[in-house]
Amino acid sequence: MKSVYTTGEVAAVCKVSQQTVIRCFDSGKLKGFRVPGSRFRRIPRESLLQFMRENGIPLENLDSGKKRILVVDDDEAILEMLTELLERDGRFEVRVARGGYEAGLLTQEFRPDAVVLDYKLPDINGNKVCRTLRSNPAFANIRIIIISGVADPDEREELLAAGADDFLQKPFQIDDLIARLLQLVHA
């Protein structure tokens, strides 16, 4: 559970623009602090809770306790199936991306605990997505599971070297995926 939030995270939780959050912060309606030596604002959890209560913002948007999973695949049937099965499990909040570029954008916004990443994407391969995520220190704690129906043993080693934490061969059992996700995110 987070104890301090960025203005972007507060905006996502409160479902308002980041500029609105900044205005509320600057006017004193939302209590917090500035990061020393920068323009960045941070909002402690208790201040955010108070602000949400005072403004009638539903508290369920704040830290559901579920692990955030980003599923990246270009096959709509797989996205639908994985989303439904992971959400039905009850321990996961799921978002989907249909390509590497969209995965990058959603990773910035959603801040997943884990990414379930198809190796063969239309715009970029999984190993490139892994390297990109691993090159950003802000994403150091994100766990990555590659799923693929075509990767040979050499490609598996390359994916693990690129930063993947695990690999699942398609087709796989959803119970195997859930068990590996829970192990990787320590749920």
C-alpha atoms as a PDB file:
ATOM      1  CA  MET A   1       0.000   0.000   0.000  1.00  0.00           C
ATOM      2  CA  LYS A   2       1.455   3.361  -1.031  1.00  0.00           C
ATOM      3  CA  SER A   3       2.078   6.009   1.597  1.00  0.00           C
ATOM      4  CA  VAL A   4       2.945   8.951  -0.712  1.00  0.00           C
ATOM      5  CA  TYR A   5       1.472   9.788  -4.128  1.00  0.00           C
ATOM      6  CA  THR A   6       2.522  11.905  -7.098  1.00  0.00           C
ATOM      7  CA  THR A   7       0.092  14.438  -8.573  1.00  0.00           C
ATOM      8  CA  GLY A   8      -0.367  12.108 -11.558  1.00  0.00           C
ATOM      9  CA  GLU A   9      -1.297   9.205  -9.302  1.00  0.00           C
ATOM     10  CA  VAL A  10      -3.727  11.411  -7.346  1.00  0.00           C
ATOM     11  CA  ALA A  11      -5.277  12.540 -10.637  1.00  0.00           C
ATOM     12  CA  ALA A  12      -5.820   8.907 -11.675  1.00  0.00           C
ATOM     13  CA  VAL A  13      -7.323   7.965  -8.292  1.00  0.00           C
ATOM     14  CA  CYS A  14      -9.620  11.015  -8.187  1.00  0.00           C
ATOM     15  CA  LYS A  15     -10.420  10.814 -11.920  1.00  0.00           C
ATOM     16  CA  VAL A  16      -9.503  14.455 -12.568  1.00  0.00           C
ATOM     17  CA  SER A  17      -6.732  16.098 -14.563  1.00  0.00           C
ATOM     18  CA  GLN A  18      -3.259  16.470 -13.123  1.00  0.00           C
ATOM     19  CA  GLN A  19      -3.653  20.258 -13.479  1.00  0.00           C
ATOM     20  CA  THR A  20      -6.712  20.132 -11.212  1.00  0.00           C
ATOM     21  CA  VAL A  21      -4.679  18.271  -8.590  1.00  0.00           C
ATOM     22  CA  ILE A  22      -1.861  20.828  -8.879  1.00  0.00           C
ATOM     23  CA  ARG A  23      -4.337  23.706  -8.461  1.00  0.00           C
ATOM     24  CA  CYS A  24      -5.854  22.051  -5.378  1.00  0.00           C
ATOM     25  CA  PHE A  25      -2.367  21.490  -3.968  1.00  0.00           C
ATOM     26  CA  ASP A  26      -1.204  25.043  -4.703  1.00  0.00           C
ATOM     27  CA  SER A  27      -4.383  26.543  -3.165  1.00  0.00           C
ATOM     28  CA  GLY A  28      -3.970  24.475   0.015  1.00  0.00           C
ATOM     29  CA  LYS A  29      -7.090  22.337  -0.505  1.00  0.00           C
ATOM     30  CA  LEU A  30      -4.899  19.241  -0.894  1.00  0.00           C
ATOM     31  CA  LYS A  31      -2.139  18.978   1.696  1.00  0.00           C
ATOM     32  CA  GLY A  32       1.280  17.670   0.817  1.00  0.00           C
ATOM     33  CA  PHE A  33       4.873  18.705   0.300  1.00  0.00           C
ATOM     34  CA  ARG A  34       7.308  19.588  -2.432  1.00  0.00           C
ATOM     35  CA  VAL A  35      10.295  17.372  -3.106  1.00  0.00           C
ATOM     36  CA  PRO A  36      13.333  19.385  -1.938  1.00  0.00           C
ATOM     37  CA  GLY A  37      15.216  20.956  -4.834  1.00  0.00           C
ATOM     38  CA  SER A  38      12.455  20.338  -7.391  1.00  0.00           C
ATOM     39  CA  ARG A  39       8.991  21.449  -8.506  1.00  0.00           C
ATOM     40  CA  PHE A  40       7.513  18.017  -7.758  1.00  0.00           C
ATOM     41  CA  ARG A  41       4.642  17.752  -5.326  1.00  0.00           C
ATOM     42  CA  ARG A  42       3.867  14.718  -3.179  1.00  0.00           C
ATOM     43  CA  ILE A  43       0.690  13.928  -1.284  1.00  0.00           C
ATOM     44  CA  PRO A  44       0.741  11.675   1.810  1.00  0.00           C
ATOM     45  CA  ARG A  45      -1.931   8.975   1.948  1.00  0.00           C
ATOM     46  CA  GLU A  46      -3.717  10.504   4.958  1.00  0.00           C
ATOM     47  CA  SER A  47      -3.973  13.889   3.211  1.00  0.00           C
ATOM     48  CA  LEU A  48      -5.334  12.225   0.101  1.00  0.00           C
ATOM     49  CA  LEU A  49      -7.922  10.279   2.113  1.00  0.00           C
ATOM     50  CA  GLN A  50      -9.055  13.479   3.850  1.00  0.00           C
ATOM     51  CA  PHE A  51      -9.289  15.312   0.507  1.00  0.00           C
ATOM     52  CA  MET A  52     -11.288  12.462  -1.047  1.00  0.00           C
ATOM     53  CA  ARG A  53     -13.741  12.371   1.885  1.00  0.00           C
ATOM     54  CA  GLU A  54     -14.192  16.166   1.883  1.00  0.00           C
ATOM     55  CA  ASN A  55     -14.931  16.171  -1.842  1.00  0.00           C
ATOM     56  CA  GLY A  56     -17.126  13.079  -2.048  1.00  0.00           C
ATOM     57  CA  ILE A  57     -14.626  11.089  -4.119  1.00  0.00           C
ATOM     58  CA  PRO A  58     -15.178   7.316  -3.768  1.00  0.00           C
ATOM     59  CA  LEU A  59     -12.441   5.731  -1.650  1.00  0.00           C
ATOM     60  CA  GLU A  60     -12.557   2.428  -3.533  1.00  0.00           C
ATOM     61  CA  ASN A  61     -10.420   4.055  -6.254  1.00  0.00           C
ATOM     62  CA  LEU A  62      -7.536   4.141  -3.793  1.00  0.00           C
ATOM     63  CA  ASP A  63      -5.379   1.028  -3.516  1.00  0.00           C
ATOM     64  CA  SER A  64      -7.792  -1.789  -4.055  1.00  0.00           C
ATOM     65  CA  GLY A  65      -5.185  -4.129  -2.586  1.00  0.00           C
ATOM     66  CA  LYS A  66      -5.225  -5.998  -5.874  1.00  0.00           C
ATOM     67  CA  LYS A  67      -2.076  -6.591  -7.859  1.00  0.00           C
ATOM     68  CA  ARG A  68      -2.011  -4.546 -11.061  1.00  0.00           C
ATOM     69  CA  ILE A  69      -1.401  -6.684 -14.155  1.00  0.00           C
ATOM     70  CA  LEU A  70      -0.806  -5.357 -17.664  1.00  0.00           C
ATOM     71  CA  VAL A  71      -1.561  -7.946 -20.354  1.00  0.00           C
ATOM     72  CA  VAL A  72       0.112  -7.204 -23.699  1.00  0.00           C
ATOM     73  CA  ASP A  73      -1.012  -9.223 -26.715  1.00  0.00           C
ATOM     74  CA  ASP A  74      -2.330  -8.477 -30.205  1.00  0.00           C
ATOM     75  CA  ASP A  75      -4.837 -11.350 -30.111  1.00  0.00           C
ATOM     76  CA  GLU A  76      -8.207 -10.005 -28.901  1.00  0.00           C
ATOM     77  CA  ALA A  77      -9.407 -13.457 -27.846  1.00  0.00           C
ATOM     78  CA  ILE A  78      -6.374 -13.931 -25.592  1.00  0.00           C
ATOM     79  CA  LEU A  79      -6.755 -10.428 -24.121  1.00  0.00           C
ATOM     80  CA  GLU A  80     -10.423 -11.065 -23.384  1.00  0.00           C
ATOM     81  CA  MET A  81      -9.808 -14.505 -21.883  1.00  0.00           C
ATOM     82  CA  LEU A  82      -6.892 -13.432 -19.684  1.00  0.00           C
ATOM     83  CA  THR A  83      -8.678 -10.295 -18.486  1.00  0.00           C
ATOM     84  CA  GLU A  84     -11.798 -12.231 -17.563  1.00  0.00           C
ATOM     85  CA  LEU A  85      -9.968 -15.072 -15.814  1.00  0.00           C
ATOM     86  CA  LEU A  86      -7.522 -12.861 -13.903  1.00  0.00           C
ATOM     87  CA  GLU A  87     -10.253 -10.469 -12.749  1.00  0.00           C
ATOM     88  CA  ARG A  88     -12.523 -13.364 -11.787  1.00  0.00           C
ATOM     89  CA  ASP A  89      -9.714 -14.626  -9.524  1.00  0.00           C
ATOM     90  CA  GLY A  90     -10.281 -11.469  -7.455  1.00  0.00           C
ATOM     91  CA  ARG A  91      -6.645 -10.678  -6.668  1.00  0.00           C
ATOM     92  CA  PHE A  92      -5.847  -8.733  -9.824  1.00  0.00           C
ATOM     93  CA  GLU A  93      -6.698  -5.444 -11.483  1.00  0.00           C
ATOM     94  CA  VAL A  94      -6.093  -5.860 -15.213  1.00  0.00           C
ATOM     95  CA  ARG A  95      -5.370  -3.470 -18.088  1.00  0.00           C
ATOM     96  CA  VAL A  96      -4.589  -4.496 -21.654  1.00  0.00           C
ATOM     97  CA  ALA A  97      -2.340  -3.246 -24.432  1.00  0.00           C
ATOM     98  CA  ARG A  98      -2.310  -4.479 -28.026  1.00  0.00           C
ATOM     99  CA  GLY A  99       1.289  -3.615 -28.870  1.00  0.00           C
ATOM    100  CA  GLY A 100       4.640  -2.564 -27.471  1.00  0.00           C
ATOM    101  CA  TYR A 101       4.091   1.166 -27.883  1.00  0.00           C
ATOM    102  CA  GLU A 102       0.732   1.050 -26.095  1.00  0.00           C
ATOM    103  CA  ALA A 103       2.334  -1.122 -23.386  1.00  0.00           C
ATOM    104  CA  GLY A 104       4.914   1.605 -22.774  1.00  0.00           C
ATOM    105  CA  LEU A 105       2.257   4.275 -22.399  1.00  0.00           C
ATOM    106  CA  LEU A 106       0.116   2.148 -20.090  1.00  0.00           C
ATOM    107  CA  THR A 107       3.126   1.187 -17.968  1.00  0.00           C
ATOM    108  CA  GLN A 108       3.744   4.887 -17.294  1.00  0.00           C
ATOM    109  CA  GLU A 109       0.101   5.501 -16.388  1.00  0.00           C
ATOM    110  CA  PHE A 110      -1.005   2.234 -14.723  1.00  0.00           C
ATOM    111  CA  ARG A 111       2.260   1.291 -12.962  1.00  0.00           C
ATOM    112  CA  PRO A 112       1.633  -2.464 -13.077  1.00  0.00           C
ATOM    113  CA  ASP A 113       3.097  -4.905 -10.585  1.00  0.00           C
ATOM    114  CA  ALA A 114       3.550  -7.389 -13.437  1.00  0.00           C
ATOM    115  CA  VAL A 115       3.346  -7.509 -17.224  1.00  0.00           C
ATOM    116  CA  VAL A 116       2.135 -10.584 -19.098  1.00  0.00           C
ATOM    117  CA  LEU A 117       3.830  -9.964 -22.436  1.00  0.00           C
ATOM    118  CA  ASP A 118       3.368 -11.758 -25.741  1.00  0.00           C
ATOM    119  CA  TYR A 119       6.719 -12.311 -27.435  1.00  0.00           C
ATOM    120  CA  LYS A 120       5.513 -11.666 -31.001  1.00  0.00           C
ATOM    121  CA  LEU A 121       3.775  -8.285 -31.232  1.00  0.00           C
ATOM    122  CA  PRO A 122       2.891  -6.455 -34.450  1.00  0.00           C
ATOM    123  CA  ASP A 123       5.032  -3.401 -33.709  1.00  0.00           C
ATOM    124  CA  ILE A 124       7.923  -4.697 -31.581  1.00  0.00           C
ATOM    125  CA  ASN A 125       9.141  -7.988 -30.108  1.00  0.00           C
ATOM    126  CA  GLY A 126       8.934  -8.839 -26.425  1.00  0.00           C
ATOM    127  CA  ASN A 127      12.685  -8.733 -25.887  1.00  0.00           C
ATOM    128  CA  LYS A 128      12.757  -5.078 -26.972  1.00  0.00           C
ATOM    129  CA  VAL A 129       9.854  -4.264 -24.620  1.00  0.00           C
ATOM    130  CA  CYS A 130      11.741  -6.045 -21.791  1.00  0.00           C
ATOM    131  CA  ARG A 131      14.929  -4.088 -22.462  1.00  0.00           C
ATOM    132  CA  THR A 132      13.001  -0.810 -22.598  1.00  0.00           C
ATOM    133  CA  LEU A 133      11.247  -1.494 -19.285  1.00  0.00           C
ATOM    134  CA  ARG A 134      14.465  -2.660 -17.626  1.00  0.00           C
ATOM    135  CA  SER A 135      16.353   0.436 -18.803  1.00  0.00           C
ATOM    136  CA  ASN A 136      14.000   2.662 -16.764  1.00  0.00           C
ATOM    137  CA  PRO A 137      14.819   2.621 -13.015  1.00  0.00           C
ATOM    138  CA  ALA A 138      11.204   3.591 -12.224  1.00  0.00           C
ATOM    139  CA  PHE A 139      10.123   0.177 -13.546  1.00  0.00           C
ATOM    140  CA  ALA A 140      12.756  -1.885 -11.723  1.00  0.00           C
ATOM    141  CA  ASN A 141      10.182  -3.699  -9.581  1.00  0.00           C
ATOM    142  CA  ILE A 142       7.817  -4.636 -12.412  1.00  0.00           C
ATOM    143  CA  ARG A 143       7.854  -8.396 -13.013  1.00  0.00           C
ATOM    144  CA  ILE A 144       7.617  -9.613 -16.616  1.00  0.00           C
ATOM    145  CA  ILE A 145       6.243 -12.956 -17.809  1.00  0.00           C
ATOM    146  CA  ILE A 146       6.690 -13.630 -21.517  1.00  0.00           C
ATOM    147  CA  ILE A 147       4.064 -15.810 -23.195  1.00  0.00           C
ATOM    148  CA  SER A 148       4.639 -17.286 -26.626  1.00  0.00           C
ATOM    149  CA  GLY A 149       3.697 -20.163 -28.836  1.00  0.00           C
ATOM    150  CA  VAL A 150       6.729 -19.877 -31.103  1.00  0.00           C
ATOM    151  CA  ALA A 151       9.831 -19.122 -29.031  1.00  0.00           C
ATOM    152  CA  ASP A 152      12.552 -21.780 -29.250  1.00  0.00           C
ATOM    153  CA  PRO A 153      14.983 -22.493 -26.364  1.00  0.00           C
ATOM    154  CA  ASP A 154      17.557 -19.970 -27.673  1.00  0.00           C
ATOM    155  CA  GLU A 155      14.881 -17.271 -27.847  1.00  0.00           C
ATOM    156  CA  ARG A 156      13.826 -18.096 -24.273  1.00  0.00           C
ATOM    157  CA  GLU A 157      17.374 -17.518 -23.061  1.00  0.00           C
ATOM    158  CA  GLU A 158      17.510 -14.247 -24.998  1.00  0.00           C
ATOM    159  CA  LEU A 159      14.234 -13.117 -23.390  1.00  0.00           C
ATOM    160  CA  LEU A 160      15.462 -13.933 -19.898  1.00  0.00           C
ATOM    161  CA  ALA A 161      18.694 -12.064 -20.663  1.00  0.00           C
ATOM    162  CA  ALA A 162      16.617  -9.089 -21.868  1.00  0.00           C
ATOM    163  CA  GLY A 163      14.972  -8.878 -18.460  1.00  0.00           C
ATOM    164  CA  ALA A 164      12.003 -11.255 -18.455  1.00  0.00           C
ATOM    165  CA  ASP A 165      11.406 -12.917 -15.092  1.00  0.00           C
ATOM    166  CA  ASP A 166       9.575 -15.954 -16.423  1.00  0.00           C
ATOM    167  CA  PHE A 167       8.372 -17.628 -19.616  1.00  0.00           C
ATOM    168  CA  LEU A 168       5.190 -19.560 -20.371  1.00  0.00           C
ATOM    169  CA  GLN A 169       4.700 -21.565 -23.549  1.00  0.00           C
ATOM    170  CA  LYS A 170       1.284 -21.166 -25.231  1.00  0.00           C
ATOM    171  CA  PRO A 171      -1.071 -22.863 -24.714  1.00  0.00           C
ATOM    172  CA  PHE A 172      -0.837 -22.773 -20.919  1.00  0.00           C
ATOM    173  CA  GLN A 173      -3.125 -23.371 -17.977  1.00  0.00           C
ATOM    174  CA  ILE A 174      -4.490 -20.197 -16.355  1.00  0.00           C
ATOM    175  CA  ASP A 175      -3.696 -21.712 -12.937  1.00  0.00           C
ATOM    176  CA  ASP A 176      -0.012 -21.855 -13.939  1.00  0.00           C
ATOM    177  CA  LEU A 177      -0.067 -18.201 -14.962  1.00  0.00           C
ATOM    178  CA  ILE A 178      -1.803 -17.144 -11.729  1.00  0.00           C
ATOM    179  CA  ALA A 179       0.627 -19.142  -9.593  1.00  0.00           C
ATOM    180  CA  ARG A 180       3.630 -17.606 -11.337  1.00  0.00           C
ATOM    181  CA  LEU A 181       2.177 -14.083 -11.107  1.00  0.00           C
ATOM    182  CA  LEU A 182       1.508 -14.476  -7.388  1.00  0.00           C
ATOM    183  CA  GLN A 183       5.003 -15.849  -6.831  1.00  0.00           C
ATOM    184  CA  LEU A 184       6.624 -12.987  -8.748  1.00  0.00           C
ATOM    185  CA  VAL A 185       4.628 -10.202  -7.058  1.00  0.00           C
ATOM    186  CA  HIS A 186       4.766 -11.888  -3.641  1.00  0.00           C
ATOM    187  CA  ALA A 187       1.006 -11.807  -3.133  1.00  0.00           C
END
